[in-house]
Amino acid sequence: MANQMNGEANLRTLLQNMRPELQDGEYVFCSLEPAVVSELCLSPIGQFLEEEGLTLILAKDEAEANHLDFTFPCRKITLKVHSSLDAIGFLAIVTEKLAEHGISVNAISAYFHDHLFVPSEKAEDAIRVLSDVVEQSRRS
């Protein structure tokens, strides 16, 4: 039961069982002062507090509607396998394979899944690369 709650840590199992899913919508990254964020009615799908400000991952439409400066228009790919937060090498292999195909990625690990933010125009290519990773791991 504990392993199920904590997710899978075996690298081979993770690679064989991941199901990359391209999510709907386009996202962007913004950085704002925390006080500014509290004044706005925003629905970020992710946020991280850094010394320089609060990084938000928002729907591109929402950032535009609020006249926010943003960067990195991207699509979100969810790796549908419950990965452990202490799994070793999983994201390293995934991001290396994407890098080999010239695809940049911002990876975020949440409690149940890893999420990859890739440039919008490379999203379909990224799905193909990730599907190949799964197939190769199943053959080896």
Protein backbone atom coordinates (compact mmCIF):
# COMPACT_ATOMS: atom_id res chain seq x y z
CA MET A 1 0.00 0.00 0.00
CA ALA A 2 2.77 2.47 0.85
CA ASN A 3 4.40 2.06 -2.57
CA GLN A 4 1.07 2.67 -4.29
CA MET A 5 0.57 5.88 -2.30
CA ASN A 6 4.12 7.03 -3.02
CA GLY A 7 4.15 6.09 -6.69
CA GLU A 8 6.39 3.93 -8.82
CA ALA A 9 10.15 4.33 -8.48
CA ASN A 10 11.39 1.55 -10.81
CA LEU A 11 12.75 3.28 -13.90
CA ARG A 12 11.98 0.48 -16.35
CA THR A 13 8.41 0.17 -15.07
CA LEU A 14 7.91 3.92 -15.34
CA LEU A 15 9.17 4.06 -18.93
CA GLN A 16 7.14 1.03 -20.01
CA ASN A 17 3.91 2.24 -18.44
CA MET A 18 3.94 5.99 -19.02
CA ARG A 19 1.16 7.24 -21.25
CA PRO A 20 2.01 10.73 -22.52
CA GLU A 21 -1.17 12.76 -23.00
CA LEU A 22 -1.24 16.13 -24.72
CA GLN A 23 -3.63 18.34 -22.76
CA ASP A 24 -5.94 20.91 -24.34
CA GLY A 25 -5.04 24.57 -24.26
CA GLU A 26 -1.97 26.70 -24.49
CA TYR A 27 -0.05 27.94 -21.45
CA VAL A 28 2.50 30.63 -20.68
CA PHE A 29 4.89 31.52 -17.86
CA CYS A 30 4.60 34.87 -16.05
CA SER A 31 6.48 36.43 -13.15
CA LEU A 32 4.68 38.86 -10.86
CA GLU A 33 5.09 40.40 -7.44
CA PRO A 34 3.06 38.35 -4.93
CA ALA A 35 1.09 41.46 -3.90
CA VAL A 36 0.02 42.01 -7.52
CA VAL A 37 -1.12 38.40 -7.85
CA SER A 38 -3.33 38.72 -4.77
CA GLU A 39 -5.11 41.70 -6.39
CA LEU A 40 -5.90 39.78 -9.58
CA CYS A 41 -8.40 37.00 -10.04
CA LEU A 42 -6.16 34.40 -11.69
CA SER A 43 -6.37 30.62 -11.98
CA PRO A 44 -2.80 29.38 -12.43
CA ILE A 45 -2.22 25.67 -12.94
CA GLY A 46 1.16 26.07 -11.27
CA GLN A 47 3.13 28.56 -9.26
CA PHE A 48 6.52 28.83 -7.63
CA LEU A 49 7.87 31.57 -5.38
CA GLU A 50 11.37 32.73 -6.28
CA GLU A 51 13.41 35.64 -4.92
CA GLU A 52 12.61 37.63 -8.05
CA GLY A 53 8.86 37.10 -7.94
CA LEU A 54 6.04 34.59 -8.15
CA THR A 55 6.21 32.47 -11.29
CA LEU A 56 2.77 31.51 -12.59
CA ILE A 57 1.82 29.02 -15.27
CA LEU A 58 -1.40 30.32 -16.78
CA ALA A 59 -3.65 29.68 -19.71
CA LYS A 60 -2.40 31.99 -22.45
CA ASP A 61 -5.90 33.44 -22.88
CA GLU A 62 -6.03 34.35 -19.20
CA ALA A 63 -2.62 36.06 -19.30
CA GLU A 64 -3.67 38.05 -22.35
CA ALA A 65 -7.04 39.00 -20.83
CA ASN A 66 -5.21 40.39 -17.79
CA HIS A 67 -2.59 42.20 -19.94
CA LEU A 68 0.27 40.29 -18.32
CA ASP A 69 3.74 40.01 -19.78
CA PHE A 70 4.52 36.37 -20.46
CA THR A 71 6.96 34.05 -22.14
CA PHE A 72 7.15 30.51 -23.51
CA PRO A 73 3.79 29.74 -25.17
CA CYS A 74 3.59 26.01 -24.59
CA ARG A 75 1.44 22.92 -24.40
CA LYS A 76 1.24 20.59 -21.42
CA ILE A 77 1.96 16.89 -21.72
CA THR A 78 1.04 14.78 -18.70
CA LEU A 79 2.97 11.55 -18.25
CA LYS A 80 0.16 9.29 -17.08
CA VAL A 81 2.01 7.01 -14.72
CA HIS A 82 2.05 7.54 -10.94
CA SER A 83 5.72 8.31 -10.53
CA SER A 84 7.35 8.51 -7.14
CA LEU A 85 8.74 11.90 -6.22
CA ASP A 86 12.05 10.17 -5.51
CA ALA A 87 12.23 8.13 -8.73
CA ILE A 88 15.77 8.32 -10.08
CA GLY A 89 16.45 9.05 -13.73
CA PHE A 90 12.89 9.11 -15.09
CA LEU A 91 12.76 12.77 -16.09
CA ALA A 92 16.43 12.68 -17.07
CA ILE A 93 15.71 10.07 -19.75
CA VAL A 94 12.51 11.76 -20.92
CA THR A 95 14.05 15.22 -21.21
CA GLU A 96 17.23 13.84 -22.83
CA LYS A 97 15.18 12.15 -25.57
CA LEU A 98 13.28 15.38 -26.20
CA ALA A 99 16.57 17.33 -26.28
CA GLU A 100 17.96 14.90 -28.88
CA HIS A 101 15.06 16.02 -31.12
CA GLY A 102 15.58 19.73 -30.45
CA ILE A 103 12.58 20.05 -28.13
CA SER A 104 13.00 22.22 -25.04
CA VAL A 105 10.99 21.27 -21.99
CA ASN A 106 10.07 22.65 -18.60
CA ALA A 107 9.29 19.66 -16.41
CA ILE A 108 7.24 19.85 -13.23
CA SER A 109 6.71 16.95 -10.87
CA ALA A 110 3.45 16.96 -8.94
CA TYR A 111 2.24 14.40 -6.41
CA PHE A 112 0.86 11.87 -8.93
CA HIS A 113 2.35 12.74 -12.32
CA ASP A 114 5.09 14.56 -14.14
CA HIS A 115 4.05 17.35 -16.49
CA LEU A 116 6.08 18.58 -19.43
CA PHE A 117 5.64 22.03 -20.91
CA VAL A 118 6.94 22.06 -24.47
CA PRO A 119 6.86 24.79 -27.13
CA SER A 120 3.41 24.84 -28.73
CA GLU A 121 4.75 24.23 -32.23
CA LYS A 122 6.71 21.15 -31.07
CA ALA A 123 3.95 19.48 -29.02
CA GLU A 124 2.98 16.85 -31.59
CA ASP A 125 6.66 16.02 -32.21
CA ALA A 126 7.15 15.63 -28.45
CA ILE A 127 4.26 13.17 -28.23
CA ARG A 128 5.83 11.09 -31.02
CA VAL A 129 9.21 11.08 -29.28
CA LEU A 130 7.67 10.06 -25.95
CA SER A 131 5.63 7.31 -27.58
CA ASP A 132 8.86 6.00 -29.13
CA VAL A 133 10.48 5.98 -25.66
CA VAL A 134 7.65 3.80 -24.35
CA GLU A 135 7.89 1.39 -27.29
CA GLN A 136 11.68 1.12 -27.02
CA SER A 137 11.50 0.42 -23.29
CA ARG A 138 8.93 -2.32 -23.85
CA ARG A 139 11.19 -4.03 -26.44
CA SER A 140 14.31 -3.98 -24.26
